[in-house]
Amino acid sequence: MICQFSRYFIVGLVNTLLHWGVFVSLVYIVSISQASANLVSFIIAVTFSFFANAKFTFRKKATVVRYFTFVIFMGMLSYYIGYMADKFNAHPLVTLIVFSIISLVVGFLYSKLFVFKGIE
């Protein structure tokens, strides 16, 4: 499990860099809104994360059902943390850091126990 978590962590680092890189590029180069940039960045990063974790972390087949199970859950987690940040008027950087930490642990457990568990 530690080896799996290490691989999940590495994928998560790349995922985070991808998300932030796309977000910054869209906001500052393309000049679109933060909301749109964050949505596009999330979709790109979560898609990368799913396929990388399927292949390298859990060594399972990437299926449509697994993809949507992962993306919907991570999207709801992202929205909930953003909702709570708005409710408590948290600084956006704090929100990004909190989401990164929570999604690392919760995302790993959810992926291991639900998304990539079981028979092919």
N, C-alpha and C. Protein backbone atom coordinates (compact mmCIF):
# COMPACT_ATOMS: atom_id res chain seq x y z
N MET A 1 0.83 -1.20 0.00
CA MET A 1 0.00 0.00 0.00
C MET A 1 0.87 1.26 0.00
N ILE A 2 2.01 1.22 0.70
CA ILE A 2 2.89 2.40 0.74
C ILE A 2 3.45 2.68 -0.65
N CYS A 3 3.83 1.64 -1.37
CA CYS A 3 4.34 1.80 -2.73
C CYS A 3 3.25 2.39 -3.64
N GLN A 4 2.02 1.91 -3.48
CA GLN A 4 0.90 2.45 -4.25
C GLN A 4 0.69 3.92 -3.93
N PHE A 5 0.71 4.26 -2.64
CA PHE A 5 0.50 5.65 -2.25
C PHE A 5 1.61 6.53 -2.80
N SER A 6 2.84 6.03 -2.82
CA SER A 6 3.96 6.79 -3.37
C SER A 6 3.74 7.09 -4.85
N ARG A 7 3.28 6.10 -5.60
CA ARG A 7 2.99 6.32 -7.02
C ARG A 7 1.82 7.29 -7.18
N TYR A 8 0.79 7.15 -6.33
CA TYR A 8 -0.35 8.05 -6.37
C TYR A 8 0.10 9.48 -6.07
N PHE A 9 1.02 9.63 -5.12
CA PHE A 9 1.55 10.94 -4.74
C PHE A 9 2.30 11.58 -5.91
N ILE A 10 3.11 10.79 -6.60
CA ILE A 10 3.87 11.32 -7.75
C ILE A 10 2.91 11.75 -8.87
N VAL A 11 1.92 10.92 -9.16
CA VAL A 11 0.91 11.29 -10.15
C VAL A 11 0.20 12.57 -9.70
N GLY A 12 -0.08 12.67 -8.40
CA GLY A 12 -0.74 13.86 -7.85
C GLY A 12 0.09 15.12 -8.01
N LEU A 13 1.40 15.01 -7.86
CA LEU A 13 2.28 16.17 -8.07
C LEU A 13 2.22 16.64 -9.53
N VAL A 14 2.32 15.70 -10.44
CA VAL A 14 2.24 16.04 -11.87
C VAL A 14 0.86 16.62 -12.18
N ASN A 15 -0.17 16.01 -11.64
CA ASN A 15 -1.54 16.46 -11.81
C ASN A 15 -1.69 17.91 -11.33
N THR A 16 -1.14 18.21 -10.18
CA THR A 16 -1.23 19.56 -9.62
C THR A 16 -0.49 20.57 -10.50
N LEU A 17 0.71 20.22 -10.94
CA LEU A 17 1.46 21.11 -11.82
C LEU A 17 0.71 21.34 -13.14
N LEU A 18 0.11 20.29 -13.66
CA LEU A 18 -0.68 20.41 -14.88
C LEU A 18 -1.88 21.33 -14.67
N HIS A 19 -2.61 21.11 -13.59
CA HIS A 19 -3.78 21.94 -13.28
C HIS A 19 -3.38 23.41 -13.16
N TRP A 20 -2.38 23.68 -12.34
CA TRP A 20 -1.96 25.06 -12.11
C TRP A 20 -1.40 25.69 -13.39
N GLY A 21 -0.64 24.91 -14.17
CA GLY A 21 -0.06 25.43 -15.41
C GLY A 21 -1.12 25.80 -16.43
N VAL A 22 -2.10 24.92 -16.61
CA VAL A 22 -3.19 25.21 -17.54
C VAL A 22 -4.00 26.40 -17.04
N PHE A 23 -4.29 26.44 -15.74
CA PHE A 23 -5.07 27.54 -15.16
C PHE A 23 -4.38 28.88 -15.41
N VAL A 24 -3.10 28.97 -15.07
CA VAL A 24 -2.35 30.22 -15.24
C VAL A 24 -2.29 30.61 -16.71
N SER A 25 -2.06 29.65 -17.59
CA SER A 25 -2.01 29.93 -19.03
C SER A 25 -3.34 30.47 -19.54
N LEU A 26 -4.42 29.85 -19.12
CA LEU A 26 -5.74 30.29 -19.59
C LEU A 26 -6.12 31.66 -19.06
N VAL A 27 -5.78 31.93 -17.80
CA VAL A 27 -6.13 33.22 -17.21
C VAL A 27 -5.25 34.34 -17.76
N TYR A 28 -3.94 34.12 -17.82
CA TYR A 28 -3.02 35.21 -18.17
C TYR A 28 -2.67 35.30 -19.64
N ILE A 29 -2.77 34.22 -20.38
CA ILE A 29 -2.43 34.26 -21.81
C ILE A 29 -3.68 34.34 -22.67
N VAL A 30 -4.67 33.48 -22.36
CA VAL A 30 -5.90 33.45 -23.14
C VAL A 30 -6.91 34.47 -22.63
N SER A 31 -6.74 34.89 -21.37
CA SER A 31 -7.60 35.90 -20.74
C SER A 31 -9.05 35.46 -20.58
N ILE A 32 -9.26 34.23 -20.09
CA ILE A 32 -10.62 33.81 -19.77
C ILE A 32 -10.81 33.90 -18.25
N SER A 33 -12.04 33.80 -17.82
CA SER A 33 -12.36 33.94 -16.40
C SER A 33 -11.72 32.83 -15.58
N GLN A 34 -11.53 33.10 -14.28
CA GLN A 34 -10.98 32.10 -13.38
C GLN A 34 -11.89 30.88 -13.29
N ALA A 35 -13.19 31.10 -13.29
CA ALA A 35 -14.13 29.98 -13.18
C ALA A 35 -13.98 29.05 -14.39
N SER A 36 -13.96 29.62 -15.58
CA SER A 36 -13.81 28.80 -16.79
C SER A 36 -12.43 28.14 -16.83
N ALA A 37 -11.41 28.89 -16.48
CA ALA A 37 -10.04 28.35 -16.48
C ALA A 37 -9.91 27.21 -15.48
N ASN A 38 -10.53 27.36 -14.32
CA ASN A 38 -10.44 26.32 -13.31
C ASN A 38 -11.19 25.06 -13.75
N LEU A 39 -12.34 25.23 -14.38
CA LEU A 39 -13.10 24.08 -14.87
C LEU A 39 -12.31 23.31 -15.93
N VAL A 40 -11.78 24.03 -16.91
CA VAL A 40 -10.99 23.39 -17.97
C VAL A 40 -9.75 22.73 -17.38
N SER A 41 -9.07 23.41 -16.49
CA SER A 41 -7.86 22.87 -15.85
C SER A 41 -8.18 21.62 -15.05
N PHE A 42 -9.29 21.64 -14.32
CA PHE A 42 -9.69 20.48 -13.53
C PHE A 42 -9.96 19.28 -14.44
N ILE A 43 -10.69 19.50 -15.52
CA ILE A 43 -11.03 18.39 -16.43
C ILE A 43 -9.76 17.79 -17.03
N ILE A 44 -8.84 18.62 -17.46
CA ILE A 44 -7.58 18.12 -18.03
C ILE A 44 -6.78 17.37 -16.98
N ALA A 45 -6.62 17.96 -15.80
CA ALA A 45 -5.81 17.35 -14.75
C ALA A 45 -6.43 16.07 -14.21
N VAL A 46 -7.73 16.05 -14.00
CA VAL A 46 -8.38 14.85 -13.45
C VAL A 46 -8.36 13.71 -14.47
N THR A 47 -8.45 14.05 -15.76
CA THR A 47 -8.38 13.03 -16.79
C THR A 47 -6.98 12.42 -16.83
N PHE A 48 -5.95 13.27 -16.79
CA PHE A 48 -4.58 12.77 -16.72
C PHE A 48 -4.41 11.87 -15.49
N SER A 49 -4.88 12.35 -14.35
CA SER A 49 -4.73 11.63 -13.09
C SER A 49 -5.39 10.25 -13.16
N PHE A 50 -6.58 10.19 -13.73
CA PHE A 50 -7.29 8.92 -13.83
C PHE A 50 -6.49 7.91 -14.64
N PHE A 51 -6.07 8.29 -15.84
CA PHE A 51 -5.37 7.34 -16.71
C PHE A 51 -3.99 6.97 -16.15
N ALA A 52 -3.29 7.93 -15.59
CA ALA A 52 -1.98 7.64 -14.99
C ALA A 52 -2.12 6.71 -13.80
N ASN A 53 -3.11 6.96 -12.95
CA ASN A 53 -3.30 6.09 -11.79
C ASN A 53 -3.81 4.70 -12.18
N ALA A 54 -4.64 4.63 -13.18
CA ALA A 54 -5.11 3.32 -13.65
C ALA A 54 -3.92 2.48 -14.10
N LYS A 55 -3.03 3.07 -14.87
CA LYS A 55 -1.91 2.33 -15.44
C LYS A 55 -0.78 2.10 -14.43
N PHE A 56 -0.33 3.15 -13.76
CA PHE A 56 0.89 3.06 -12.96
C PHE A 56 0.66 2.77 -11.48
N THR A 57 -0.42 3.29 -10.93
CA THR A 57 -0.63 3.14 -9.48
C THR A 57 -1.38 1.85 -9.16
N PHE A 58 -2.52 1.64 -9.83
CA PHE A 58 -3.37 0.51 -9.48
C PHE A 58 -3.29 -0.65 -10.48
N ARG A 59 -2.67 -0.40 -11.64
CA ARG A 59 -2.49 -1.42 -12.66
C ARG A 59 -3.82 -2.11 -13.02
N LYS A 60 -4.80 -1.27 -13.29
CA LYS A 60 -6.13 -1.74 -13.68
C LYS A 60 -6.51 -1.12 -15.01
N LYS A 61 -7.48 -1.75 -15.65
CA LYS A 61 -7.98 -1.26 -16.93
C LYS A 61 -8.77 0.03 -16.71
N ALA A 62 -8.51 1.02 -17.57
CA ALA A 62 -9.25 2.27 -17.52
C ALA A 62 -10.55 2.09 -18.30
N THR A 63 -11.67 2.11 -17.60
CA THR A 63 -12.98 1.95 -18.25
C THR A 63 -13.78 3.23 -18.12
N VAL A 64 -14.81 3.34 -18.92
CA VAL A 64 -15.69 4.52 -18.87
C VAL A 64 -16.35 4.64 -17.50
N VAL A 65 -16.83 3.52 -16.97
CA VAL A 65 -17.48 3.54 -15.65
C VAL A 65 -16.51 4.01 -14.58
N ARG A 66 -15.30 3.46 -14.60
CA ARG A 66 -14.30 3.88 -13.62
C ARG A 66 -13.97 5.36 -13.78
N TYR A 67 -13.84 5.80 -15.02
CA TYR A 67 -13.52 7.21 -15.29
C TYR A 67 -14.57 8.12 -14.68
N PHE A 68 -15.84 7.87 -14.99
CA PHE A 68 -16.89 8.74 -14.48
C PHE A 68 -17.05 8.62 -12.96
N THR A 69 -16.83 7.43 -12.41
CA THR A 69 -16.87 7.26 -10.96
C THR A 69 -15.82 8.14 -10.29
N PHE A 70 -14.63 8.16 -10.86
CA PHE A 70 -13.53 8.97 -10.33
C PHE A 70 -13.77 10.46 -10.53
N VAL A 71 -14.11 10.85 -11.75
CA VAL A 71 -14.27 12.27 -12.08
C VAL A 71 -15.42 12.90 -11.31
N ILE A 72 -16.54 12.22 -11.22
CA ILE A 72 -17.69 12.79 -10.50
C ILE A 72 -17.36 12.95 -9.02
N PHE A 73 -16.75 11.95 -8.42
CA PHE A 73 -16.39 12.05 -7.00
C PHE A 73 -15.40 13.18 -6.76
N MET A 74 -14.34 13.24 -7.56
CA MET A 74 -13.32 14.28 -7.36
C MET A 74 -13.90 15.66 -7.65
N GLY A 75 -14.80 15.75 -8.62
CA GLY A 75 -15.47 17.02 -8.91
C GLY A 75 -16.33 17.48 -7.74
N MET A 76 -17.06 16.53 -7.14
CA MET A 76 -17.90 16.88 -5.98
C MET A 76 -17.02 17.30 -4.80
N LEU A 77 -15.91 16.60 -4.60
CA LEU A 77 -14.98 16.96 -3.52
C LEU A 77 -14.42 18.36 -3.76
N SER A 78 -14.03 18.64 -4.98
CA SER A 78 -13.50 19.95 -5.34
C SER A 78 -14.55 21.05 -5.09
N TYR A 79 -15.76 20.80 -5.54
CA TYR A 79 -16.83 21.78 -5.34
C TYR A 79 -17.11 22.01 -3.85
N TYR A 80 -17.18 20.93 -3.09
CA TYR A 80 -17.47 21.05 -1.66
C TYR A 80 -16.40 21.86 -0.94
N ILE A 81 -15.15 21.60 -1.24
CA ILE A 81 -14.08 22.35 -0.58
C ILE A 81 -14.14 23.82 -1.00
N GLY A 82 -14.43 24.07 -2.28
CA GLY A 82 -14.60 25.45 -2.73
C GLY A 82 -15.79 26.13 -2.07
N TYR A 83 -16.87 25.39 -1.91
CA TYR A 83 -18.07 25.90 -1.23
C TYR A 83 -17.75 26.29 0.21
N MET A 84 -17.04 25.40 0.91
CA MET A 84 -16.68 25.69 2.31
C MET A 84 -15.71 26.87 2.38
N ALA A 85 -14.82 26.97 1.42
CA ALA A 85 -13.88 28.10 1.38
C ALA A 85 -14.64 29.41 1.19
N ASP A 86 -15.63 29.41 0.30
CA ASP A 86 -16.45 30.60 0.11
C ASP A 86 -17.21 30.93 1.39
N LYS A 87 -17.76 29.91 2.02
CA LYS A 87 -18.54 30.11 3.23
C LYS A 87 -17.70 30.74 4.35
N PHE A 88 -16.44 30.31 4.45
CA PHE A 88 -15.56 30.84 5.50
C PHE A 88 -14.62 31.93 5.00
N ASN A 89 -14.86 32.39 3.76
CA ASN A 89 -14.10 33.48 3.17
C ASN A 89 -12.59 33.20 3.19
N ALA A 90 -12.22 32.00 2.82
CA ALA A 90 -10.81 31.60 2.81
C ALA A 90 -10.09 32.21 1.61
N HIS A 91 -8.82 32.47 1.76
CA HIS A 91 -7.99 32.97 0.66
C HIS A 91 -7.87 31.86 -0.40
N PRO A 92 -7.90 32.21 -1.69
CA PRO A 92 -7.82 31.20 -2.74
C PRO A 92 -6.59 30.28 -2.65
N LEU A 93 -5.45 30.80 -2.24
CA LEU A 93 -4.27 29.96 -2.11
C LEU A 93 -4.46 28.91 -1.02
N VAL A 94 -5.13 29.30 0.07
CA VAL A 94 -5.43 28.35 1.15
C VAL A 94 -6.35 27.25 0.61
N THR A 95 -7.32 27.65 -0.18
CA THR A 95 -8.25 26.69 -0.77
C THR A 95 -7.51 25.68 -1.65
N LEU A 96 -6.59 26.16 -2.48
CA LEU A 96 -5.81 25.26 -3.34
C LEU A 96 -4.97 24.29 -2.52
N ILE A 97 -4.35 24.79 -1.48
CA ILE A 97 -3.50 23.94 -0.64
C ILE A 97 -4.34 22.91 0.11
N VAL A 98 -5.45 23.35 0.70
CA VAL A 98 -6.33 22.44 1.44
C VAL A 98 -6.89 21.38 0.50
N PHE A 99 -7.34 21.79 -0.69
CA PHE A 99 -7.86 20.81 -1.64
C PHE A 99 -6.78 19.82 -2.06
N SER A 100 -5.57 20.31 -2.29
CA SER A 100 -4.48 19.43 -2.70
C SER A 100 -4.21 18.36 -1.65
N ILE A 101 -4.20 18.75 -0.39
CA ILE A 101 -3.92 17.80 0.70
C ILE A 101 -5.08 16.82 0.87
N ILE A 102 -6.30 17.35 0.95
CA ILE A 102 -7.47 16.49 1.15
C ILE A 102 -7.67 15.55 -0.03
N SER A 103 -7.54 16.08 -1.24
CA SER A 103 -7.77 15.23 -2.42
C SER A 103 -6.70 14.15 -2.55
N LEU A 104 -5.50 14.42 -2.05
CA LEU A 104 -4.46 13.39 -2.09
C LEU A 104 -4.86 12.18 -1.26
N VAL A 105 -5.27 12.43 -0.02
CA VAL A 105 -5.60 11.33 0.89
C VAL A 105 -6.95 10.71 0.55
N VAL A 106 -7.97 11.54 0.43
CA VAL A 106 -9.32 11.03 0.16
C VAL A 106 -9.39 10.42 -1.24
N GLY A 107 -8.76 11.05 -2.21
CA GLY A 107 -8.76 10.53 -3.57
C GLY A 107 -8.07 9.17 -3.66
N PHE A 108 -6.97 9.01 -2.94
CA PHE A 108 -6.28 7.72 -2.93
C PHE A 108 -7.17 6.64 -2.33
N LEU A 109 -7.74 6.90 -1.17
CA LEU A 109 -8.59 5.91 -0.52
C LEU A 109 -9.81 5.57 -1.37
N TYR A 110 -10.44 6.58 -1.95
CA TYR A 110 -11.61 6.34 -2.79
C TYR A 110 -11.23 5.51 -4.03
N SER A 111 -10.11 5.87 -4.64
CA SER A 111 -9.65 5.13 -5.82
C SER A 111 -9.34 3.68 -5.48
N LYS A 112 -8.63 3.49 -4.38
CA LYS A 112 -8.23 2.13 -3.99
C LYS A 112 -9.43 1.27 -3.59
N LEU A 113 -10.34 1.85 -2.82
CA LEU A 113 -11.45 1.08 -2.26
C LEU A 113 -12.66 0.95 -3.20
N PHE A 114 -12.81 1.90 -4.13
CA PHE A 114 -14.01 1.88 -4.97
C PHE A 114 -13.71 1.86 -6.47
N VAL A 115 -12.94 2.82 -6.95
CA VAL A 115 -12.77 2.96 -8.40
C VAL A 115 -12.00 1.80 -9.01
N PHE A 116 -10.88 1.42 -8.41
CA PHE A 116 -10.01 0.40 -8.99
C PHE A 116 -10.05 -0.91 -8.22
N LYS A 117 -11.05 -1.11 -7.41
CA LYS A 117 -11.18 -2.37 -6.66
C LYS A 117 -11.92 -3.39 -7.51
N GLY A 118 -11.64 -4.61 -7.28
CA GLY A 118 -12.43 -5.66 -7.90
C GLY A 118 -11.86 -6.24 -9.17
N ILE A 119 -12.66 -7.04 -9.77
CA ILE A 119 -12.30 -7.79 -10.97
C ILE A 119 -12.48 -6.90 -12.20
N GLU A 120 -11.70 -7.19 -13.21
CA GLU A 120 -11.78 -6.44 -14.48
C GLU A 120 -13.14 -6.63 -15.08
